[in-house]
């Protein structure tokens, strides 16, 4: 089941292919491409299986700097990826994410 645009608190944008996320959930860790990104969440391409509602530690590597935060798995697509809802982020990281999204909107 996909989340419709109307259910999202903030719009999602497609970042450059160079944007990746290092993530960890329990003992699993990986580096994945970010398929879509917004202030409240993101979609990561990964073939790793992570259970719904799992907590994920994130480190996004973006052109304007790194962003750290915690997210919860809200949607899983077997062999394709997972949708994450950002649930915690320091103010400085949130500001960097906001600036990055504004820069993406401008292009």
PDB file of N, CA and C in Angstrom:
ATOM      1  N   UNK A   1       0.849  -1.184   0.000  1.00  0.00           N
ATOM      2  CA  UNK A   1       0.000   0.000   0.000  1.00  0.00           C
ATOM      3  C   UNK A   1       0.888   1.238   0.000  1.00  0.00           C
ATOM      4  N   UNK A   2       0.680   2.113  -0.943  1.00  0.00           N
ATOM      5  CA  UNK A   2       1.489   3.330  -1.000  1.00  0.00           C
ATOM      6  C   UNK A   2       0.760   4.469  -0.307  1.00  0.00           C
ATOM      7  N   UNK A   3       1.539   5.429   0.117  1.00  0.00           N
ATOM      8  CA  UNK A   3       0.988   6.605   0.793  1.00  0.00           C
ATOM      9  C   UNK A   3       0.694   7.654  -0.270  1.00  0.00           C
ATOM     10  N   UNK A   4      -0.540   8.122  -0.299  1.00  0.00           N
ATOM     11  CA  UNK A   4      -0.886   9.134  -1.299  1.00  0.00           C
ATOM     12  C   UNK A   4      -0.286  10.478  -0.920  1.00  0.00           C
ATOM     13  N   UNK A   5      -0.112  11.319  -1.907  1.00  0.00           N
ATOM     14  CA  UNK A   5       0.471  12.639  -1.694  1.00  0.00           C
ATOM     15  C   UNK A   5      -0.322  13.433  -0.659  1.00  0.00           C
ATOM     16  N   UNK A   6      -1.658  13.245  -0.628  1.00  0.00           N
ATOM     17  CA  UNK A   6      -2.495  14.012   0.291  1.00  0.00           C
ATOM     18  C   UNK A   6      -2.235  13.640   1.748  1.00  0.00           C
ATOM     19  N   UNK A   7      -1.725  12.420   2.003  1.00  0.00           N
ATOM     20  CA  UNK A   7      -1.480  11.988   3.373  1.00  0.00           C
ATOM     21  C   UNK A   7      -0.140  12.488   3.902  1.00  0.00           C
ATOM     22  N   UNK A   8       0.705  12.978   3.051  1.00  0.00           N
ATOM     23  CA  UNK A   8       2.027  13.434   3.474  1.00  0.00           C
ATOM     24  C   UNK A   8       1.942  14.832   4.082  1.00  0.00           C
ATOM     25  N   UNK A   9       2.679  15.019   5.153  1.00  0.00           N
ATOM     26  CA  UNK A   9       2.718  16.327   5.792  1.00  0.00           C
ATOM     27  C   UNK A   9       3.533  17.307   4.950  1.00  0.00           C
ATOM     28  N   UNK A  10       4.623  16.794   4.319  1.00  0.00           N
ATOM     29  CA  UNK A  10       5.498  17.605   3.463  1.00  0.00           C
ATOM     30  C   UNK A  10       5.710  16.872   2.150  1.00  0.00           C
ATOM     31  N   UNK A  11       5.890  17.610   1.056  1.00  0.00           N
ATOM     32  CA  UNK A  11       6.107  16.958  -0.247  1.00  0.00           C
ATOM     33  C   UNK A  11       7.448  16.230  -0.289  1.00  0.00           C
ATOM     34  N   UNK A  12       7.530  15.226  -1.141  1.00  0.00           N
ATOM     35  CA  UNK A  12       8.780  14.495  -1.350  1.00  0.00           C
ATOM     36  C   UNK A  12       9.406  14.938  -2.668  1.00  0.00           C
ATOM     37  N   UNK A  13      10.716  15.020  -2.688  1.00  0.00           N
ATOM     38  CA  UNK A  13      11.467  15.392  -3.884  1.00  0.00           C
ATOM     39  C   UNK A  13      12.437  14.278  -4.236  1.00  0.00           C
ATOM     40  N   UNK A  14      12.811  14.211  -5.501  1.00  0.00           N
ATOM     41  CA  UNK A  14      13.805  13.236  -5.934  1.00  0.00           C
ATOM     42  C   UNK A  14      15.182  13.900  -5.855  1.00  0.00           C
ATOM     43  N   UNK A  15      16.041  13.422  -4.952  1.00  0.00           N
ATOM     44  CA  UNK A  15      17.363  14.033  -4.823  1.00  0.00           C
ATOM     45  C   UNK A  15      18.309  13.534  -5.921  1.00  0.00           C
ATOM     46  N   UNK A  16      19.472  14.178  -6.078  1.00  0.00           N
ATOM     47  CA  UNK A  16      20.462  13.678  -7.036  1.00  0.00           C
ATOM     48  C   UNK A  16      20.887  12.261  -6.660  1.00  0.00           C
ATOM     49  N   UNK A  17      21.348  11.494  -7.638  1.00  0.00           N
ATOM     50  CA  UNK A  17      21.743  10.107  -7.382  1.00  0.00           C
ATOM     51  C   UNK A  17      22.929   9.997  -6.440  1.00  0.00           C
ATOM     52  N   UNK A  18      23.608  11.090  -6.190  1.00  0.00           N
ATOM     53  CA  UNK A  18      24.751  11.069  -5.283  1.00  0.00           C
ATOM     54  C   UNK A  18      24.335  11.080  -3.811  1.00  0.00           C
ATOM     55  N   UNK A  19      23.058  11.331  -3.535  1.00  0.00           N
ATOM     56  CA  UNK A  19      22.589  11.374  -2.156  1.00  0.00           C
ATOM     57  C   UNK A  19      22.368   9.944  -1.652  1.00  0.00           C
ATOM     58  N   UNK A  20      23.120   9.600  -0.609  1.00  0.00           N
ATOM     59  CA  UNK A  20      23.008   8.270  -0.021  1.00  0.00           C
ATOM     60  C   UNK A  20      22.773   8.393   1.478  1.00  0.00           C
ATOM     61  N   UNK A  21      22.288   7.298   2.048  1.00  0.00           N
ATOM     62  CA  UNK A  21      22.047   7.248   3.485  1.00  0.00           C
ATOM     63  C   UNK A  21      22.744   6.024   4.065  1.00  0.00           C
ATOM     64  N   UNK A  22      23.571   6.248   5.074  1.00  0.00           N
ATOM     65  CA  UNK A  22      24.080   5.147   5.880  1.00  0.00           C
ATOM     66  C   UNK A  22      23.037   4.936   6.969  1.00  0.00           C
ATOM     67  N   UNK A  23      22.621   3.692   7.153  1.00  0.00           N
ATOM     68  CA  UNK A  23      21.577   3.441   8.145  1.00  0.00           C
ATOM     69  C   UNK A  23      21.861   2.166   8.923  1.00  0.00           C
ATOM     70  N   UNK A  24      21.253   2.122  10.108  1.00  0.00           N
ATOM     71  CA  UNK A  24      21.373   0.949  10.958  1.00  0.00           C
ATOM     72  C   UNK A  24      20.057   0.713  11.665  1.00  0.00           C
ATOM     73  N   UNK A  25      19.639  -0.552  11.678  1.00  0.00           N
ATOM     74  CA  UNK A  25      18.446  -0.970  12.409  1.00  0.00           C
ATOM     75  C   UNK A  25      18.792  -2.276  13.103  1.00  0.00           C
ATOM     76  N   UNK A  26      18.908  -2.239  14.422  1.00  0.00           N
ATOM     77  CA  UNK A  26      19.361  -3.420  15.149  1.00  0.00           C
ATOM     78  C   UNK A  26      20.787  -3.746  14.726  1.00  0.00           C
ATOM     79  N   UNK A  27      21.025  -4.997  14.286  1.00  0.00           N
ATOM     80  CA  UNK A  27      22.366  -5.395  13.846  1.00  0.00           C
ATOM     81  C   UNK A  27      22.568  -5.184  12.351  1.00  0.00           C
ATOM     82  N   UNK A  28      21.495  -4.847  11.638  1.00  0.00           N
ATOM     83  CA  UNK A  28      21.610  -4.603  10.205  1.00  0.00           C
ATOM     84  C   UNK A  28      22.104  -3.193   9.943  1.00  0.00           C
ATOM     85  N   UNK A  29      22.998  -3.079   8.958  1.00  0.00           N
ATOM     86  CA  UNK A  29      23.435  -1.756   8.532  1.00  0.00           C
ATOM     87  C   UNK A  29      23.735  -1.819   7.049  1.00  0.00           C
ATOM     88  N   UNK A  30      23.594  -0.675   6.394  1.00  0.00           N
ATOM     89  CA  UNK A  30      23.799  -0.625   4.955  1.00  0.00           C
ATOM     90  C   UNK A  30      23.977   0.826   4.537  1.00  0.00           C
ATOM     91  N   UNK A  31      24.378   1.013   3.293  1.00  0.00           N
ATOM     92  CA  UNK A  31      24.394   2.322   2.658  1.00  0.00           C
ATOM     93  C   UNK A  31      23.475   2.200   1.451  1.00  0.00           C
ATOM     94  N   UNK A  32      22.475   3.075   1.357  1.00  0.00           N
ATOM     95  CA  UNK A  32      21.451   2.971   0.325  1.00  0.00           C
ATOM     96  C   UNK A  32      21.240   4.298  -0.378  1.00  0.00           C
ATOM     97  N   UNK A  33      20.817   4.209  -1.638  1.00  0.00           N
ATOM     98  CA  UNK A  33      20.450   5.414  -2.380  1.00  0.00           C
ATOM     99  C   UNK A  33      19.112   5.932  -1.877  1.00  0.00           C
ATOM    100  N   UNK A  34      18.981   7.255  -1.823  1.00  0.00           N
ATOM    101  CA  UNK A  34      17.738   7.895  -1.404  1.00  0.00           C
ATOM    102  C   UNK A  34      16.905   8.150  -2.649  1.00  0.00           C
ATOM    103  N   UNK A  35      15.765   7.482  -2.738  1.00  0.00           N
ATOM    104  CA  UNK A  35      14.879   7.589  -3.901  1.00  0.00           C
ATOM    105  C   UNK A  35      14.025   8.846  -3.842  1.00  0.00           C
ATOM    106  N   UNK A  36      13.509   9.152  -2.642  1.00  0.00           N
ATOM    107  CA  UNK A  36      12.729  10.382  -2.454  1.00  0.00           C
ATOM    108  C   UNK A  36      12.992  10.890  -1.045  1.00  0.00           C
ATOM    109  N   UNK A  37      12.817  12.217  -0.882  1.00  0.00           N
ATOM    110  CA  UNK A  37      13.203  12.856   0.364  1.00  0.00           C
ATOM    111  C   UNK A  37      12.270  14.013   0.666  1.00  0.00           C
ATOM    112  N   UNK A  38      11.884  14.132   1.923  1.00  0.00           N
ATOM    113  CA  UNK A  38      11.060  15.246   2.387  1.00  0.00           C
ATOM    114  C   UNK A  38      11.433  15.569   3.825  1.00  0.00           C
ATOM    115  N   UNK A  39      10.848  16.613   4.377  1.00  0.00           N
ATOM    116  CA  UNK A  39      11.158  16.996   5.759  1.00  0.00           C
ATOM    117  C   UNK A  39      10.713  15.942   6.763  1.00  0.00           C
ATOM    118  N   UNK A  40       9.687  15.174   6.428  1.00  0.00           N
ATOM    119  CA  UNK A  40       9.173  14.210   7.394  1.00  0.00           C
ATOM    120  C   UNK A  40       9.523  12.768   7.063  1.00  0.00           C
ATOM    121  N   UNK A  41      10.189  12.521   5.929  1.00  0.00           N
ATOM    122  CA  UNK A  41      10.513  11.137   5.620  1.00  0.00           C
ATOM    123  C   UNK A  41      11.282  10.964   4.332  1.00  0.00           C
ATOM    124  N   UNK A  42      11.576   9.705   4.027  1.00  0.00           N
ATOM    125  CA  UNK A  42      12.342   9.369   2.837  1.00  0.00           C
ATOM    126  C   UNK A  42      12.082   7.927   2.436  1.00  0.00           C
ATOM    127  N   UNK A  43      12.476   7.605   1.207  1.00  0.00           N
ATOM    128  CA  UNK A  43      12.390   6.240   0.715  1.00  0.00           C
ATOM    129  C   UNK A  43      13.788   5.813   0.313  1.00  0.00           C
ATOM    130  N   UNK A  44      14.248   4.694   0.878  1.00  0.00           N
ATOM    131  CA  UNK A  44      15.570   4.164   0.587  1.00  0.00           C
ATOM    132  C   UNK A  44      15.474   2.926  -0.282  1.00  0.00           C
ATOM    133  N   UNK A  45      16.346   2.846  -1.278  1.00  0.00           N
ATOM    134  CA  UNK A  45      16.443   1.627  -2.079  1.00  0.00           C
ATOM    135  C   UNK A  45      17.367   0.659  -1.350  1.00  0.00           C
ATOM    136  N   UNK A  46      16.841  -0.505  -0.988  1.00  0.00           N
ATOM    137  CA  UNK A  46      17.623  -1.540  -0.324  1.00  0.00           C
ATOM    138  C   UNK A  46      16.944  -2.888  -0.503  1.00  0.00           C
ATOM    139  N   UNK A  47      17.747  -3.932  -0.550  1.00  0.00           N
ATOM    140  CA  UNK A  47      17.210  -5.292  -0.621  1.00  0.00           C
ATOM    141  C   UNK A  47      17.201  -5.947   0.753  1.00  0.00           C
ATOM    142  N   UNK A  48      17.697  -5.239   1.751  1.00  0.00           N
ATOM    143  CA  UNK A  48      17.709  -5.773   3.120  1.00  0.00           C
ATOM    144  C   UNK A  48      16.296  -5.741   3.685  1.00  0.00           C
ATOM    145  N   UNK A  49      15.966  -6.757   4.480  1.00  0.00           N
ATOM    146  CA  UNK A  49      14.639  -6.831   5.085  1.00  0.00           C
ATOM    147  C   UNK A  49      14.672  -6.191   6.463  1.00  0.00           C
ATOM    148  N   UNK A  50      13.815  -5.200   6.643  1.00  0.00           N
ATOM    149  CA  UNK A  50      13.664  -4.526   7.924  1.00  0.00           C
ATOM    150  C   UNK A  50      12.181  -4.546   8.254  1.00  0.00           C
ATOM    151  N   UNK A  51      11.840  -4.936   9.464  1.00  0.00           N
ATOM    152  CA  UNK A  51      10.439  -5.062   9.868  1.00  0.00           C
ATOM    153  C   UNK A  51       9.763  -3.702   9.999  1.00  0.00           C
ATOM    154  N   UNK A  52       8.460  -3.691   9.722  1.00  0.00           N
ATOM    155  CA  UNK A  52       7.664  -2.479   9.941  1.00  0.00           C
ATOM    156  C   UNK A  52       7.803  -2.036  11.385  1.00  0.00           C
ATOM    157  N   UNK A  53       7.777  -0.744  11.599  1.00  0.00           N
ATOM    158  CA  UNK A  53       7.866  -0.106  12.911  1.00  0.00           C
ATOM    159  C   UNK A  53       9.232  -0.232  13.566  1.00  0.00           C
ATOM    160  N   UNK A  54      10.245  -0.711  12.833  1.00  0.00           N
ATOM    161  CA  UNK A  54      11.603  -0.774  13.373  1.00  0.00           C
ATOM    162  C   UNK A  54      12.198   0.632  13.430  1.00  0.00           C
ATOM    163  N   UNK A  55      13.031   0.872  14.430  1.00  0.00           N
ATOM    164  CA  UNK A  55      13.739   2.139  14.546  1.00  0.00           C
ATOM    165  C   UNK A  55      15.001   2.072  13.697  1.00  0.00           C
ATOM    166  N   UNK A  56      15.271   3.148  12.952  1.00  0.00           N
ATOM    167  CA  UNK A  56      16.423   3.207  12.060  1.00  0.00           C
ATOM    168  C   UNK A  56      17.226   4.465  12.373  1.00  0.00           C
ATOM    169  N   UNK A  57      18.530   4.297  12.594  1.00  0.00           N
ATOM    170  CA  UNK A  57      19.438   5.430  12.752  1.00  0.00           C
ATOM    171  C   UNK A  57      19.913   5.821  11.360  1.00  0.00           C
ATOM    172  N   UNK A  58      19.866   7.105  11.025  1.00  0.00           N
ATOM    173  CA  UNK A  58      20.203   7.582   9.686  1.00  0.00           C
ATOM    174  C   UNK A  58      21.369   8.557   9.692  1.00  0.00           C
ATOM    175  N   UNK A  59      22.152   8.497   8.630  1.00  0.00           N
ATOM    176  CA  UNK A  59      23.151   9.514   8.344  1.00  0.00           C
ATOM    177  C   UNK A  59      23.071   9.775   6.852  1.00  0.00           C
ATOM    178  N   UNK A  60      22.472  10.910   6.483  1.00  0.00           N
ATOM    179  CA  UNK A  60      22.318  11.281   5.075  1.00  0.00           C
ATOM    180  C   UNK A  60      23.537  12.071   4.631  1.00  0.00           C
ATOM    181  N   UNK A  61      24.105  11.688   3.500  1.00  0.00           N
ATOM    182  CA  UNK A  61      25.241  12.404   2.935  1.00  0.00           C
ATOM    183  C   UNK A  61      24.738  13.180   1.728  1.00  0.00           C
ATOM    184  N   UNK A  62      24.632  14.509   1.883  1.00  0.00           N
ATOM    185  CA  UNK A  62      24.043  15.348   0.848  1.00  0.00           C
ATOM    186  C   UNK A  62      25.006  16.462   0.451  1.00  0.00           C
ATOM    187  N   UNK A  63      24.770  17.088  -0.693  1.00  0.00           N
ATOM    188  CA  UNK A  63      25.674  18.159  -1.158  1.00  0.00           C
ATOM    189  C   UNK A  63      25.895  19.277  -0.133  1.00  0.00           C
ATOM    190  N   UNK A  64      24.892  19.632   0.643  1.00  0.00           N
ATOM    191  CA  UNK A  64      25.034  20.727   1.611  1.00  0.00           C
ATOM    192  C   UNK A  64      25.500  20.252   2.987  1.00  0.00           C
ATOM    193  N   UNK A  65      25.855  18.979   3.110  1.00  0.00           N
ATOM    194  CA  UNK A  65      26.356  18.462   4.382  1.00  0.00           C
ATOM    195  C   UNK A  65      25.600  17.243   4.858  1.00  0.00           C
ATOM    196  N   UNK A  66      26.120  16.656   5.924  1.00  0.00           N
ATOM    197  CA  UNK A  66      25.502  15.460   6.479  1.00  0.00           C
ATOM    198  C   UNK A  66      24.356  15.809   7.412  1.00  0.00           C
ATOM    199  N   UNK A  67      23.367  14.920   7.445  1.00  0.00           N
ATOM    200  CA  UNK A  67      22.202  15.083   8.304  1.00  0.00           C
ATOM    201  C   UNK A  67      21.990  13.774   9.055  1.00  0.00           C
ATOM    202  N   UNK A  68      21.879  13.862  10.384  1.00  0.00           N
ATOM    203  CA  UNK A  68      21.630  12.682  11.206  1.00  0.00           C
ATOM    204  C   UNK A  68      20.230  12.737  11.771  1.00  0.00           C
ATOM    205  N   UNK A  69      19.655  11.560  11.977  1.00  0.00           N
ATOM    206  CA  UNK A  69      18.340  11.503  12.590  1.00  0.00           C
ATOM    207  C   UNK A  69      17.926  10.077  12.869  1.00  0.00           C
ATOM    208  N   UNK A  70      16.735   9.949  13.438  1.00  0.00           N
ATOM    209  CA  UNK A  70      16.134   8.642  13.693  1.00  0.00           C
ATOM    210  C   UNK A  70      14.809   8.578  12.958  1.00  0.00           C
ATOM    211  N   UNK A  71      14.502   7.397  12.454  1.00  0.00           N
ATOM    212  CA  UNK A  71      13.272   7.212  11.695  1.00  0.00           C
ATOM    213  C   UNK A  71      12.642   5.870  12.058  1.00  0.00           C
ATOM    214  N   UNK A  72      11.387   5.719  11.650  1.00  0.00           N
ATOM    215  CA  UNK A  72      10.646   4.480  11.852  1.00  0.00           C
ATOM    216  C   UNK A  72      10.219   3.963  10.489  1.00  0.00           C
ATOM    217  N   UNK A  73      10.363   2.645  10.293  1.00  0.00           N
ATOM    218  CA  UNK A  73       9.947   2.026   9.031  1.00  0.00           C
ATOM    219  C   UNK A  73       8.422   2.027   8.970  1.00  0.00           C
ATOM    220  N   UNK A  74       7.872   2.690   7.941  1.00  0.00           N
ATOM    221  CA  UNK A  74       6.418   2.779   7.771  1.00  0.00           C
ATOM    222  C   UNK A  74       5.908   1.975   6.589  1.00  0.00           C
ATOM    223  N   UNK A  75       6.821   1.616   5.664  1.00  0.00           N
ATOM    224  CA  UNK A  75       6.409   0.923   4.443  1.00  0.00           C
ATOM    225  C   UNK A  75       7.579   0.117   3.934  1.00  0.00           C
ATOM    226  N   UNK A  76       7.332  -1.130   3.518  1.00  0.00           N
ATOM    227  CA  UNK A  76       8.388  -1.989   3.005  1.00  0.00           C
ATOM    228  C   UNK A  76       7.959  -2.572   1.670  1.00  0.00           C
ATOM    229  N   UNK A  77       8.860  -2.538   0.701  1.00  0.00           N
ATOM    230  CA  UNK A  77       8.651  -3.173  -0.596  1.00  0.00           C
ATOM    231  C   UNK A  77       9.743  -4.228  -0.750  1.00  0.00           C
ATOM    232  N   UNK A  78       9.364  -5.502  -0.685  1.00  0.00           N
ATOM    233  CA  UNK A  78      10.333  -6.602  -0.768  1.00  0.00           C
ATOM    234  C   UNK A  78      11.266  -6.419  -1.953  1.00  0.00           C
ATOM    235  N   UNK A  79      12.547  -6.555  -1.724  1.00  0.00           N
ATOM    236  CA  UNK A  79      13.587  -6.474  -2.748  1.00  0.00           C
ATOM    237  C   UNK A  79      13.734  -5.095  -3.405  1.00  0.00           C
ATOM    238  N   UNK A  80      13.009  -4.089  -2.910  1.00  0.00           N
ATOM    239  CA  UNK A  80      13.103  -2.759  -3.523  1.00  0.00           C
ATOM    240  C   UNK A  80      13.522  -1.687  -2.532  1.00  0.00           C
ATOM    241  N   UNK A  81      12.890  -1.648  -1.365  1.00  0.00           N
ATOM    242  CA  UNK A  81      13.251  -0.603  -0.431  1.00  0.00           C
ATOM    243  C   UNK A  81      12.278  -0.430   0.706  1.00  0.00           C
ATOM    244  N   UNK A  82      12.426   0.698   1.409  1.00  0.00           N
ATOM    245  CA  UNK A  82      11.561   0.975   2.558  1.00  0.00           C
ATOM    246  C   UNK A  82      11.305   2.468   2.697  1.00  0.00           C
ATOM    247  N   UNK A  83      10.101   2.771   3.143  1.00  0.00           N
ATOM    248  CA  UNK A  83       9.705   4.136   3.431  1.00  0.00           C
ATOM    249  C   UNK A  83       9.886   4.408   4.910  1.00  0.00           C
ATOM    250  N   UNK A  84      10.531   5.521   5.208  1.00  0.00           N
ATOM    251  CA  UNK A  84      10.823   5.866   6.597  1.00  0.00           C
ATOM    252  C   UNK A  84      10.185   7.190   6.976  1.00  0.00           C
ATOM    253  N   UNK A  85       9.662   7.244   8.196  1.00  0.00           N
ATOM    254  CA  UNK A  85       9.153   8.492   8.760  1.00  0.00           C
ATOM    255  C   UNK A  85      10.199   8.994   9.749  1.00  0.00           C
ATOM    256  N   UNK A  86      10.674  10.211   9.544  1.00  0.00           N
ATOM    257  CA  UNK A  86      11.650  10.801  10.463  1.00  0.00           C
ATOM    258  C   UNK A  86      10.930  11.152  11.763  1.00  0.00           C
ATOM    259  N   UNK A  87      11.476  10.655  12.877  1.00  0.00           N
ATOM    260  CA  UNK A  87      10.825  10.889  14.165  1.00  0.00           C
ATOM    261  C   UNK A  87      11.670  11.735  15.121  1.00  0.00           C
ATOM    262  N   UNK A  88      12.983  11.853  14.853  1.00  0.00           N
ATOM    263  CA  UNK A  88      13.837  12.661  15.728  1.00  0.00           C
ATOM    264  C   UNK A  88      15.031  13.182  14.936  1.00  0.00           C
ATOM    265  N   UNK A  89      15.334  14.473  15.171  1.00  0.00           N
ATOM    266  CA  UNK A  89      16.455  15.093  14.477  1.00  0.00           C
ATOM    267  C   UNK A  89      16.843  16.360  15.234  1.00  0.00           C
ATOM    268  N   UNK A  90      18.141  16.568  15.398  1.00  0.00           N
ATOM    269  CA  UNK A  90      18.609  17.795  16.047  1.00  0.00           C
ATOM    270  C   UNK A  90      18.232  19.003  15.189  1.00  0.00           C
ATOM    271  N   UNK A  91      18.097  20.154  15.820  1.00  0.00           N
ATOM    272  CA  UNK A  91      17.685  21.373  15.125  1.00  0.00           C
ATOM    273  C   UNK A  91      18.628  21.738  13.978  1.00  0.00           C
ATOM    274  N   UNK A  92      19.931  21.574  14.190  1.00  0.00           N
ATOM    275  CA  UNK A  92      20.910  21.905  13.141  1.00  0.00           C
ATOM    276  C   UNK A  92      20.762  20.975  11.935  1.00  0.00           C
ATOM    277  N   UNK A  93      20.508  19.687  12.201  1.00  0.00           N
ATOM    278  CA  UNK A  93      20.323  18.719  11.122  1.00  0.00           C
ATOM    279  C   UNK A  93      19.041  19.020  10.351  1.00  0.00           C
ATOM    280  N   UNK A  94      17.983  19.356  11.078  1.00  0.00           N
ATOM    281  CA  UNK A  94      16.709  19.700  10.432  1.00  0.00           C
ATOM    282  C   UNK A  94      16.891  20.922   9.535  1.00  0.00           C
ATOM    283  N   UNK A  95      17.642  21.909   9.998  1.00  0.00           N
ATOM    284  CA  UNK A  95      17.890  23.118   9.210  1.00  0.00           C
ATOM    285  C   UNK A  95      18.675  22.780   7.938  1.00  0.00           C
ATOM    286  N   UNK A  96      19.682  21.890   8.055  1.00  0.00           N
ATOM    287  CA  UNK A  96      20.459  21.484   6.880  1.00  0.00           C
ATOM    288  C   UNK A  96      19.587  20.734   5.879  1.00  0.00           C
ATOM    289  N   UNK A  97      18.715  19.861   6.388  1.00  0.00           N
ATOM    290  CA  UNK A  97      17.790  19.129   5.517  1.00  0.00           C
ATOM    291  C   UNK A  97      16.846  20.109   4.813  1.00  0.00           C
ATOM    292  N   UNK A  98      16.335  21.087   5.545  1.00  0.00           N
ATOM    293  CA  UNK A  98      15.437  22.084   4.974  1.00  0.00           C
ATOM    294  C   UNK A  98      16.142  22.858   3.854  1.00  0.00           C
ATOM    295  N   UNK A  99      17.383  23.307   4.110  1.00  0.00           N
ATOM    296  CA  UNK A  99      18.144  24.037   3.086  1.00  0.00           C
ATOM    297  C   UNK A  99      18.388  23.171   1.846  1.00  0.00           C
ATOM    298  N   UNK A 100      18.676  21.893   2.062  1.00  0.00           N
ATOM    299  CA  UNK A 100      18.914  20.986   0.934  1.00  0.00           C
ATOM    300  C   UNK A 100      17.643  20.818   0.102  1.00  0.00           C
ATOM    301  N   UNK A 101      16.516  20.674   0.774  1.00  0.00           N
ATOM    302  CA  UNK A 101      15.248  20.517   0.055  1.00  0.00           C
ATOM    303  C   UNK A 101      14.892  21.783  -0.718  1.00  0.00           C
ATOM    304  N   UNK A 102      15.156  22.955  -0.141  1.00  0.00           N
ATOM    305  CA  UNK A 102      14.900  24.213  -0.844  1.00  0.00           C
ATOM    306  C   UNK A 102      15.789  24.317  -2.083  1.00  0.00           C
ATOM    307  N   UNK A 103      17.032  23.881  -1.969  1.00  0.00           N
ATOM    308  CA  UNK A 103      17.946  23.906  -3.116  1.00  0.00           C
ATOM    309  C   UNK A 103      17.461  22.944  -4.210  1.00  0.00           C
ATOM    310  N   UNK A 104      16.930  21.801  -3.814  1.00  0.00           N
ATOM    311  CA  UNK A 104      16.395  20.846  -4.787  1.00  0.00           C
ATOM    312  C   UNK A 104      15.160  21.397  -5.488  1.00  0.00           C
ATOM    313  N   UNK A 105      14.309  22.083  -4.737  1.00  0.00           N
ATOM    314  CA  UNK A 105      13.112  22.685  -5.333  1.00  0.00           C
ATOM    315  C   UNK A 105      13.470  23.726  -6.372  1.00  0.00           C
ATOM    316  N   UNK A 106      14.558  24.438  -6.141  1.00  0.00           N
ATOM    317  CA  UNK A 106      14.975  25.526  -7.042  1.00  0.00           C
ATOM    318  C   UNK A 106      15.523  24.995  -8.382  1.00  0.00           C
ATOM    319  N   UNK A 107      15.943  23.731  -8.394  1.00  0.00           N
ATOM    320  CA  UNK A 107      16.519  23.174  -9.642  1.00  0.00           C
ATOM    321  C   UNK A 107      15.483  22.493 -10.491  1.00  0.00           C
TER     322      UNK A 107
END
